């Protein structure tokens, strides 16, 4: 295998739907190659017996308890609406 991974920057920019200049292509190609080189370096580590994790600390169920709280009145909810009618926010028409 070669030292540097070959990056097809045209293919990647097409997937991302991004138009790049030749200078940007060269810069991004260099950056992506260095990132992939670092990932290859990480692949050299021995990870046998290490359990995969989603967080570096043991965090379990950090959600708050679901409990009923006081409701907001419709009048209070409509205070910041630019326009309202019958407790509904009026928005500009976007589809004909």
PDB file of N, CA and C in Angstrom:
ATOM      1  N   UNK A   1       0.841  -1.173   0.000  1.00  0.00           N
ATOM      2  CA  UNK A   1       0.000   0.000   0.000  1.00  0.00           C
ATOM      3  C   UNK A   1       0.889   1.240   0.000  1.00  0.00           C
ATOM      4  N   UNK A   2       0.446   2.305  -0.655  1.00  0.00           N
ATOM      5  CA  UNK A   2       1.257   3.516  -0.748  1.00  0.00           C
ATOM      6  C   UNK A   2       1.257   4.282   0.565  1.00  0.00           C
ATOM      7  N   UNK A   3       2.209   5.217   0.687  1.00  0.00           N
ATOM      8  CA  UNK A   3       2.323   6.022   1.904  1.00  0.00           C
ATOM      9  C   UNK A   3       1.106   6.925   2.075  1.00  0.00           C
ATOM     10  N   UNK A   4       0.710   7.597   0.985  1.00  0.00           N
ATOM     11  CA  UNK A   4      -0.407   8.531   1.052  1.00  0.00           C
ATOM     12  C   UNK A   4      -1.627   7.937   0.367  1.00  0.00           C
ATOM     13  N   UNK A   5      -2.780   8.003   1.025  1.00  0.00           N
ATOM     14  CA  UNK A   5      -3.992   7.539   0.363  1.00  0.00           C
ATOM     15  C   UNK A   5      -4.362   8.495  -0.768  1.00  0.00           C
ATOM     16  N   UNK A   6      -4.837   7.954  -1.878  1.00  0.00           N
ATOM     17  CA  UNK A   6      -5.236   8.779  -3.021  1.00  0.00           C
ATOM     18  C   UNK A   6      -6.642   9.297  -2.778  1.00  0.00           C
ATOM     19  N   UNK A   7      -6.810  10.601  -2.852  1.00  0.00           N
ATOM     20  CA  UNK A   7      -8.091  11.253  -2.616  1.00  0.00           C
ATOM     21  C   UNK A   7      -8.657  11.715  -3.959  1.00  0.00           C
ATOM     22  N   UNK A   8      -9.873  11.283  -4.275  1.00  0.00           N
ATOM     23  CA  UNK A   8     -10.558  11.751  -5.476  1.00  0.00           C
ATOM     24  C   UNK A   8     -11.426  12.937  -5.059  1.00  0.00           C
ATOM     25  N   UNK A   9     -10.835  14.101  -5.025  1.00  0.00           N
ATOM     26  CA  UNK A   9     -11.505  15.299  -4.520  1.00  0.00           C
ATOM     27  C   UNK A   9     -12.682  15.707  -5.404  1.00  0.00           C
ATOM     28  N   UNK A  10     -12.613  15.407  -6.704  1.00  0.00           N
ATOM     29  CA  UNK A  10     -13.744  15.717  -7.589  1.00  0.00           C
ATOM     30  C   UNK A  10     -14.970  14.890  -7.207  1.00  0.00           C
ATOM     31  N   UNK A  11     -14.745  13.619  -6.910  1.00  0.00           N
ATOM     32  CA  UNK A  11     -15.838  12.739  -6.504  1.00  0.00           C
ATOM     33  C   UNK A  11     -16.444  13.211  -5.182  1.00  0.00           C
ATOM     34  N   UNK A  12     -15.603  13.561  -4.229  1.00  0.00           N
ATOM     35  CA  UNK A  12     -16.074  14.003  -2.913  1.00  0.00           C
ATOM     36  C   UNK A  12     -16.830  15.318  -3.021  1.00  0.00           C
ATOM     37  N   UNK A  13     -16.311  16.259  -3.800  1.00  0.00           N
ATOM     38  CA  UNK A  13     -17.005  17.545  -3.947  1.00  0.00           C
ATOM     39  C   UNK A  13     -18.330  17.369  -4.673  1.00  0.00           C
ATOM     40  N   UNK A  14     -18.395  16.411  -5.603  1.00  0.00           N
ATOM     41  CA  UNK A  14     -19.658  16.131  -6.279  1.00  0.00           C
ATOM     42  C   UNK A  14     -20.673  15.558  -5.297  1.00  0.00           C
ATOM     43  N   UNK A  15     -20.238  14.650  -4.425  1.00  0.00           N
ATOM     44  CA  UNK A  15     -21.139  14.097  -3.408  1.00  0.00           C
ATOM     45  C   UNK A  15     -21.665  15.187  -2.483  1.00  0.00           C
ATOM     46  N   UNK A  16     -20.796  16.139  -2.145  1.00  0.00           N
ATOM     47  CA  UNK A  16     -21.181  17.226  -1.236  1.00  0.00           C
ATOM     48  C   UNK A  16     -21.901  18.352  -1.954  1.00  0.00           C
ATOM     49  N   UNK A  17     -21.976  18.253  -3.276  1.00  0.00           N
ATOM     50  CA  UNK A  17     -22.600  19.296  -4.099  1.00  0.00           C
ATOM     51  C   UNK A  17     -21.933  20.649  -3.859  1.00  0.00           C
ATOM     52  N   UNK A  18     -20.595  20.636  -3.885  1.00  0.00           N
ATOM     53  CA  UNK A  18     -19.801  21.838  -3.649  1.00  0.00           C
ATOM     54  C   UNK A  18     -18.894  22.054  -4.856  1.00  0.00           C
ATOM     55  N   UNK A  19     -18.914  23.265  -5.395  1.00  0.00           N
ATOM     56  CA  UNK A  19     -18.014  23.603  -6.499  1.00  0.00           C
ATOM     57  C   UNK A  19     -16.725  24.164  -5.905  1.00  0.00           C
ATOM     58  N   UNK A  20     -15.589  23.573  -6.300  1.00  0.00           N
ATOM     59  CA  UNK A  20     -14.306  23.996  -5.751  1.00  0.00           C
ATOM     60  C   UNK A  20     -13.399  24.499  -6.864  1.00  0.00           C
ATOM     61  N   UNK A  21     -12.618  25.526  -6.537  1.00  0.00           N
ATOM     62  CA  UNK A  21     -11.600  25.992  -7.473  1.00  0.00           C
ATOM     63  C   UNK A  21     -10.408  25.044  -7.402  1.00  0.00           C
ATOM     64  N   UNK A  22      -9.485  25.188  -8.332  1.00  0.00           N
ATOM     65  CA  UNK A  22      -8.306  24.308  -8.341  1.00  0.00           C
ATOM     66  C   UNK A  22      -7.474  24.483  -7.068  1.00  0.00           C
ATOM     67  N   UNK A  23      -7.382  25.713  -6.555  1.00  0.00           N
ATOM     68  CA  UNK A  23      -6.629  25.967  -5.320  1.00  0.00           C
ATOM     69  C   UNK A  23      -7.306  25.284  -4.132  1.00  0.00           C
ATOM     70  N   UNK A  24      -8.639  25.378  -4.093  1.00  0.00           N
ATOM     71  CA  UNK A  24      -9.373  24.739  -3.007  1.00  0.00           C
ATOM     72  C   UNK A  24      -9.246  23.219  -3.089  1.00  0.00           C
ATOM     73  N   UNK A  25      -9.292  22.677  -4.303  1.00  0.00           N
ATOM     74  CA  UNK A  25      -9.138  21.234  -4.478  1.00  0.00           C
ATOM     75  C   UNK A  25      -7.793  20.769  -3.944  1.00  0.00           C
ATOM     76  N   UNK A  26      -6.744  21.524  -4.256  1.00  0.00           N
ATOM     77  CA  UNK A  26      -5.410  21.146  -3.790  1.00  0.00           C
ATOM     78  C   UNK A  26      -5.335  21.211  -2.265  1.00  0.00           C
ATOM     79  N   UNK A  27      -5.905  22.278  -1.685  1.00  0.00           N
ATOM     80  CA  UNK A  27      -5.854  22.447  -0.230  1.00  0.00           C
ATOM     81  C   UNK A  27      -6.663  21.354   0.476  1.00  0.00           C
ATOM     82  N   UNK A  28      -7.882  21.096  -0.010  1.00  0.00           N
ATOM     83  CA  UNK A  28      -8.722  20.077   0.619  1.00  0.00           C
ATOM     84  C   UNK A  28      -8.145  18.684   0.432  1.00  0.00           C
ATOM     85  N   UNK A  29      -7.562  18.425  -0.710  1.00  0.00           N
ATOM     86  CA  UNK A  29      -6.946  17.132  -0.940  1.00  0.00           C
ATOM     87  C   UNK A  29      -5.811  16.889   0.058  1.00  0.00           C
ATOM     88  N   UNK A  30      -5.020  17.929   0.283  1.00  0.00           N
ATOM     89  CA  UNK A  30      -3.921  17.827   1.255  1.00  0.00           C
ATOM     90  C   UNK A  30      -4.467  17.595   2.662  1.00  0.00           C
ATOM     91  N   UNK A  31      -5.504  18.359   3.035  1.00  0.00           N
ATOM     92  CA  UNK A  31      -6.098  18.222   4.366  1.00  0.00           C
ATOM     93  C   UNK A  31      -6.708  16.834   4.572  1.00  0.00           C
ATOM     94  N   UNK A  32      -7.463  16.355   3.581  1.00  0.00           N
ATOM     95  CA  UNK A  32      -8.089  15.041   3.710  1.00  0.00           C
ATOM     96  C   UNK A  32      -7.045  13.932   3.756  1.00  0.00           C
ATOM     97  N   UNK A  33      -5.964  14.096   2.996  1.00  0.00           N
ATOM     98  CA  UNK A  33      -4.894  13.089   3.033  1.00  0.00           C
ATOM     99  C   UNK A  33      -4.254  13.025   4.414  1.00  0.00           C
ATOM    100  N   UNK A  34      -4.063  14.185   5.046  1.00  0.00           N
ATOM    101  CA  UNK A  34      -3.461  14.177   6.384  1.00  0.00           C
ATOM    102  C   UNK A  34      -4.416  13.566   7.408  1.00  0.00           C
ATOM    103  N   UNK A  35      -5.722  13.796   7.244  1.00  0.00           N
ATOM    104  CA  UNK A  35      -6.710  13.196   8.150  1.00  0.00           C
ATOM    105  C   UNK A  35      -6.696  11.680   8.001  1.00  0.00           C
ATOM    106  N   UNK A  36      -6.704  11.192   6.747  1.00  0.00           N
ATOM    107  CA  UNK A  36      -6.677   9.748   6.530  1.00  0.00           C
ATOM    108  C   UNK A  36      -5.374   9.134   7.013  1.00  0.00           C
ATOM    109  N   UNK A  37      -4.276   9.876   6.894  1.00  0.00           N
ATOM    110  CA  UNK A  37      -3.004   9.390   7.422  1.00  0.00           C
ATOM    111  C   UNK A  37      -3.059   9.235   8.927  1.00  0.00           C
ATOM    112  N   UNK A  38      -3.722  10.157   9.606  1.00  0.00           N
ATOM    113  CA  UNK A  38      -3.865  10.065  11.052  1.00  0.00           C
ATOM    114  C   UNK A  38      -4.735   8.875  11.442  1.00  0.00           C
ATOM    115  N   UNK A  39      -5.808   8.640  10.672  1.00  0.00           N
ATOM    116  CA  UNK A  39      -6.676   7.493  10.947  1.00  0.00           C
ATOM    117  C   UNK A  39      -5.882   6.193  10.774  1.00  0.00           C
ATOM    118  N   UNK A  40      -5.033   6.138   9.763  1.00  0.00           N
ATOM    119  CA  UNK A  40      -4.188   4.956   9.586  1.00  0.00           C
ATOM    120  C   UNK A  40      -3.267   4.758  10.788  1.00  0.00           C
ATOM    121  N   UNK A  41      -2.777   5.847  11.334  1.00  0.00           N
ATOM    122  CA  UNK A  41      -1.926   5.772  12.529  1.00  0.00           C
ATOM    123  C   UNK A  41      -2.718   5.194  13.707  1.00  0.00           C
ATOM    124  N   UNK A  42      -3.974   5.604  13.831  1.00  0.00           N
ATOM    125  CA  UNK A  42      -4.826   5.094  14.905  1.00  0.00           C
ATOM    126  C   UNK A  42      -5.113   3.613  14.720  1.00  0.00           C
ATOM    127  N   UNK A  43      -5.193   3.147  13.467  1.00  0.00           N
ATOM    128  CA  UNK A  43      -5.452   1.732  13.207  1.00  0.00           C
ATOM    129  C   UNK A  43      -4.290   0.846  13.679  1.00  0.00           C
ATOM    130  N   UNK A  44      -3.126   1.411  13.910  1.00  0.00           N
ATOM    131  CA  UNK A  44      -1.978   0.644  14.380  1.00  0.00           C
ATOM    132  C   UNK A  44      -2.089   0.285  15.863  1.00  0.00           C
ATOM    133  N   UNK A  45      -2.973   0.961  16.600  1.00  0.00           N
ATOM    134  CA  UNK A  45      -3.136   0.697  18.030  1.00  0.00           C
ATOM    135  C   UNK A  45      -3.799  -0.650  18.268  1.00  0.00           C
ATOM    136  N   UNK A  46      -3.384  -1.321  19.334  1.00  0.00           N
ATOM    137  CA  UNK A  46      -3.972  -2.595  19.713  1.00  0.00           C
ATOM    138  C   UNK A  46      -5.222  -2.318  20.544  1.00  0.00           C
ATOM    139  N   UNK A  47      -6.381  -2.625  19.987  1.00  0.00           N
ATOM    140  CA  UNK A  47      -7.642  -2.368  20.684  1.00  0.00           C
ATOM    141  C   UNK A  47      -8.353  -3.655  21.079  1.00  0.00           C
ATOM    142  N   UNK A  48      -7.637  -4.749  21.099  1.00  0.00           N
ATOM    143  CA  UNK A  48      -8.244  -6.015  21.510  1.00  0.00           C
ATOM    144  C   UNK A  48      -8.667  -5.935  22.971  1.00  0.00           C
ATOM    145  N   UNK A  49      -9.881  -6.358  23.236  1.00  0.00           N
ATOM    146  CA  UNK A  49     -10.388  -6.376  24.603  1.00  0.00           C
ATOM    147  C   UNK A  49     -10.933  -5.037  25.082  1.00  0.00           C
ATOM    148  N   UNK A  50     -10.931  -4.036  24.225  1.00  0.00           N
ATOM    149  CA  UNK A  50     -11.473  -2.729  24.610  1.00  0.00           C
ATOM    150  C   UNK A  50     -12.876  -2.615  24.049  1.00  0.00           C
ATOM    151  N   UNK A  51     -13.833  -2.367  24.943  1.00  0.00           N
ATOM    152  CA  UNK A  51     -15.232  -2.283  24.536  1.00  0.00           C
ATOM    153  C   UNK A  51     -15.503  -0.945  23.844  1.00  0.00           C
ATOM    154  N   UNK A  52     -16.211  -0.963  22.714  1.00  0.00           N
ATOM    155  CA  UNK A  52     -16.560   0.298  22.050  1.00  0.00           C
ATOM    156  C   UNK A  52     -17.432   1.157  22.952  1.00  0.00           C
ATOM    157  N   UNK A  53     -17.275   2.461  22.847  1.00  0.00           N
ATOM    158  CA  UNK A  53     -18.073   3.358  23.676  1.00  0.00           C
ATOM    159  C   UNK A  53     -18.472   4.590  22.882  1.00  0.00           C
ATOM    160  N   UNK A  54     -19.514   5.249  23.322  1.00  0.00           N
ATOM    161  CA  UNK A  54     -20.006   6.444  22.655  1.00  0.00           C
ATOM    162  C   UNK A  54     -19.551   7.708  23.373  1.00  0.00           C
ATOM    163  N   UNK A  55     -19.016   7.558  24.586  1.00  0.00           N
ATOM    164  CA  UNK A  55     -18.637   8.714  25.391  1.00  0.00           C
ATOM    165  C   UNK A  55     -17.427   8.332  26.235  1.00  0.00           C
ATOM    166  N   UNK A  56     -16.488   9.261  26.454  1.00  0.00           N
ATOM    167  CA  UNK A  56     -15.301   8.894  27.229  1.00  0.00           C
ATOM    168  C   UNK A  56     -15.558   8.684  28.719  1.00  0.00           C
ATOM    169  N   UNK A  57     -16.707   9.132  29.213  1.00  0.00           N
ATOM    170  CA  UNK A  57     -17.046   8.958  30.622  1.00  0.00           C
ATOM    171  C   UNK A  57     -18.270   8.063  30.745  1.00  0.00           C
ATOM    172  N   UNK A  58     -18.413   7.357  31.839  1.00  0.00           N
ATOM    173  CA  UNK A  58     -19.594   6.506  32.001  1.00  0.00           C
ATOM    174  C   UNK A  58     -20.838   7.354  32.277  1.00  0.00           C
ATOM    175  N   UNK A  59     -21.567   7.696  31.233  1.00  0.00           N
ATOM    176  CA  UNK A  59     -22.764   8.525  31.352  1.00  0.00           C
ATOM    177  C   UNK A  59     -23.967   7.675  30.983  1.00  0.00           C
ATOM    178  N   UNK A  60     -24.960   7.627  31.846  1.00  0.00           N
ATOM    179  CA  UNK A  60     -26.156   6.839  31.600  1.00  0.00           C
ATOM    180  C   UNK A  60     -27.386   7.702  31.816  1.00  0.00           C
ATOM    181  N   UNK A  61     -28.276   7.696  30.860  1.00  0.00           N
ATOM    182  CA  UNK A  61     -29.571   8.369  30.941  1.00  0.00           C
ATOM    183  C   UNK A  61     -29.471   9.749  31.595  1.00  0.00           C
ATOM    184  N   UNK A  62     -29.026  10.704  30.845  1.00  0.00           N
ATOM    185  CA  UNK A  62     -28.852  12.054  31.374  1.00  0.00           C
ATOM    186  C   UNK A  62     -30.088  12.922  31.159  1.00  0.00           C
ATOM    187  N   UNK A  63     -31.201  12.307  30.773  1.00  0.00           N
ATOM    188  CA  UNK A  63     -32.426  13.063  30.541  1.00  0.00           C
ATOM    189  C   UNK A  63     -33.073  13.438  31.872  1.00  0.00           C
ATOM    190  N   UNK A  64     -33.727  14.568  31.881  1.00  0.00           N
ATOM    191  CA  UNK A  64     -34.446  14.965  33.090  1.00  0.00           C
ATOM    192  C   UNK A  64     -35.723  14.151  33.207  1.00  0.00           C
ATOM    193  N   UNK A  65     -36.257  14.090  34.405  1.00  0.00           N
ATOM    194  CA  UNK A  65     -37.493  13.361  34.623  1.00  0.00           C
ATOM    195  C   UNK A  65     -38.629  14.075  33.902  1.00  0.00           C
ATOM    196  N   UNK A  66     -39.485  13.321  33.257  1.00  0.00           N
ATOM    197  CA  UNK A  66     -40.617  13.885  32.529  1.00  0.00           C
ATOM    198  C   UNK A  66     -41.755  14.122  33.505  1.00  0.00           C
ATOM    199  N   UNK A  67     -42.054  15.399  33.761  1.00  0.00           N
ATOM    200  CA  UNK A  67     -43.129  15.712  34.689  1.00  0.00           C
ATOM    201  C   UNK A  67     -43.948  16.874  34.155  1.00  0.00           C
ATOM    202  N   UNK A  68     -45.187  16.912  34.560  1.00  0.00           N
ATOM    203  CA  UNK A  68     -46.116  17.948  34.106  1.00  0.00           C
ATOM    204  C   UNK A  68     -45.753  19.264  34.783  1.00  0.00           C
ATOM    205  N   UNK A  69     -45.695  20.321  33.963  1.00  0.00           N
ATOM    206  CA  UNK A  69     -45.442  21.660  34.494  1.00  0.00           C
ATOM    207  C   UNK A  69     -46.582  22.565  34.069  1.00  0.00           C
ATOM    208  N   UNK A  70     -46.555  23.786  34.551  1.00  0.00           N
ATOM    209  CA  UNK A  70     -47.644  24.701  34.229  1.00  0.00           C
ATOM    210  C   UNK A  70     -47.678  24.990  32.731  1.00  0.00           C
ATOM    211  N   UNK A  71     -48.895  25.140  32.208  1.00  0.00           N
ATOM    212  CA  UNK A  71     -49.081  25.413  30.789  1.00  0.00           C
ATOM    213  C   UNK A  71     -48.937  26.903  30.509  1.00  0.00           C
ATOM    214  N   UNK A  72     -48.608  27.204  29.247  1.00  0.00           N
ATOM    215  CA  UNK A  72     -48.567  28.593  28.803  1.00  0.00           C
ATOM    216  C   UNK A  72     -49.929  28.918  28.197  1.00  0.00           C
ATOM    217  N   UNK A  73     -50.482  30.046  28.561  1.00  0.00           N
ATOM    218  CA  UNK A  73     -51.780  30.420  28.006  1.00  0.00           C
ATOM    219  C   UNK A  73     -51.629  30.759  26.520  1.00  0.00           C
ATOM    220  N   UNK A  74     -52.680  30.566  25.727  1.00  0.00           N
ATOM    221  CA  UNK A  74     -52.604  30.911  24.301  1.00  0.00           C
ATOM    222  C   UNK A  74     -52.236  32.379  24.077  1.00  0.00           C
ATOM    223  N   UNK A  75     -52.723  33.255  24.936  1.00  0.00           N
ATOM    224  CA  UNK A  75     -52.414  34.681  24.796  1.00  0.00           C
ATOM    225  C   UNK A  75     -50.910  34.923  25.005  1.00  0.00           C
ATOM    226  N   UNK A  76     -50.351  34.264  25.995  1.00  0.00           N
ATOM    227  CA  UNK A  76     -48.921  34.398  26.266  1.00  0.00           C
ATOM    228  C   UNK A  76     -48.099  33.821  25.115  1.00  0.00           C
ATOM    229  N   UNK A  77     -48.545  32.698  24.555  1.00  0.00           N
ATOM    230  CA  UNK A  77     -47.830  32.070  23.446  1.00  0.00           C
ATOM    231  C   UNK A  77     -47.852  32.942  22.201  1.00  0.00           C
ATOM    232  N   UNK A  78     -48.905  33.713  22.005  1.00  0.00           N
ATOM    233  CA  UNK A  78     -49.045  34.546  20.803  1.00  0.00           C
ATOM    234  C   UNK A  78     -48.414  35.932  20.945  1.00  0.00           C
ATOM    235  N   UNK A  79     -47.858  36.253  22.117  1.00  0.00           N
ATOM    236  CA  UNK A  79     -47.289  37.586  22.345  1.00  0.00           C
ATOM    237  C   UNK A  79     -46.196  37.949  21.336  1.00  0.00           C
ATOM    238  N   UNK A  80     -45.323  37.014  20.997  1.00  0.00           N
ATOM    239  CA  UNK A  80     -44.211  37.315  20.106  1.00  0.00           C
ATOM    240  C   UNK A  80     -44.478  36.961  18.644  1.00  0.00           C
ATOM    241  N   UNK A  81     -45.662  36.451  18.347  1.00  0.00           N
ATOM    242  CA  UNK A  81     -45.992  36.116  16.959  1.00  0.00           C
ATOM    243  C   UNK A  81     -46.184  37.409  16.170  1.00  0.00           C
ATOM    244  N   UNK A  82     -45.633  37.485  14.965  1.00  0.00           N
ATOM    245  CA  UNK A  82     -45.795  38.706  14.174  1.00  0.00           C
ATOM    246  C   UNK A  82     -47.253  38.955  13.807  1.00  0.00           C
ATOM    247  N   UNK A  83     -48.026  37.882  13.586  1.00  0.00           N
ATOM    248  CA  UNK A  83     -49.455  38.011  13.301  1.00  0.00           C
ATOM    249  C   UNK A  83     -50.139  36.734  13.785  1.00  0.00           C
ATOM    250  N   UNK A  84     -51.357  36.899  14.324  1.00  0.00           N
ATOM    251  CA  UNK A  84     -52.083  35.722  14.802  1.00  0.00           C
ATOM    252  C   UNK A  84     -53.572  35.921  14.598  1.00  0.00           C
ATOM    253  N   UNK A  85     -54.279  34.778  14.555  1.00  0.00           N
ATOM    254  CA  UNK A  85     -55.729  34.795  14.431  1.00  0.00           C
ATOM    255  C   UNK A  85     -56.249  33.521  15.078  1.00  0.00           C
ATOM    256  N   UNK A  86     -57.218  33.624  15.958  1.00  0.00           N
ATOM    257  CA  UNK A  86     -57.838  32.491  16.653  1.00  0.00           C
ATOM    258  C   UNK A  86     -56.779  31.584  17.298  1.00  0.00           C
ATOM    259  N   UNK A  87     -55.838  32.184  18.001  1.00  0.00           N
ATOM    260  CA  UNK A  87     -54.758  31.479  18.694  1.00  0.00           C
ATOM    261  C   UNK A  87     -53.871  30.653  17.752  1.00  0.00           C
ATOM    262  N   UNK A  88     -53.717  31.110  16.509  1.00  0.00           N
ATOM    263  CA  UNK A  88     -52.827  30.473  15.551  1.00  0.00           C
ATOM    264  C   UNK A  88     -51.897  31.535  14.976  1.00  0.00           C
ATOM    265  N   UNK A  89     -50.658  31.159  14.714  1.00  0.00           N
ATOM    266  CA  UNK A  89     -49.687  32.071  14.116  1.00  0.00           C
ATOM    267  C   UNK A  89     -49.949  32.131  12.623  1.00  0.00           C
ATOM    268  N   UNK A  90     -50.012  33.331  12.081  1.00  0.00           N
ATOM    269  CA  UNK A  90     -50.201  33.524  10.649  1.00  0.00           C
ATOM    270  C   UNK A  90     -48.828  33.688  10.005  1.00  0.00           C
ATOM    271  N   UNK A  91     -48.571  32.874   8.978  1.00  0.00           N
ATOM    272  CA  UNK A  91     -47.278  32.915   8.276  1.00  0.00           C
ATOM    273  C   UNK A  91     -47.539  33.206   6.803  1.00  0.00           C
ATOM    274  N   UNK A  92     -46.524  33.742   6.102  1.00  0.00           N
ATOM    275  CA  UNK A  92     -46.709  34.002   4.678  1.00  0.00           C
ATOM    276  C   UNK A  92     -46.926  32.697   3.902  1.00  0.00           C
ATOM    277  N   UNK A  93     -47.696  32.767   2.841  1.00  0.00           N
ATOM    278  CA  UNK A  93     -47.958  31.610   1.992  1.00  0.00           C
ATOM    279  C   UNK A  93     -46.700  31.275   1.206  1.00  0.00           C
ATOM    280  N   UNK A  94     -46.268  30.008   1.229  1.00  0.00           N
ATOM    281  CA  UNK A  94     -45.052  29.621   0.523  1.00  0.00           C
ATOM    282  C   UNK A  94     -45.323  28.666  -0.627  1.00  0.00           C
ATOM    283  N   UNK A  95     -46.511  28.088  -0.687  1.00  0.00           N
ATOM    284  CA  UNK A  95     -46.887  27.166  -1.765  1.00  0.00           C
ATOM    285  C   UNK A  95     -48.170  27.665  -2.383  1.00  0.00           C
ATOM    286  N   UNK A  96     -48.211  27.675  -3.696  1.00  0.00           N
ATOM    287  CA  UNK A  96     -49.429  28.129  -4.368  1.00  0.00           C
ATOM    288  C   UNK A  96     -50.389  26.992  -4.577  1.00  0.00           C
TER     289      UNK A  96
END
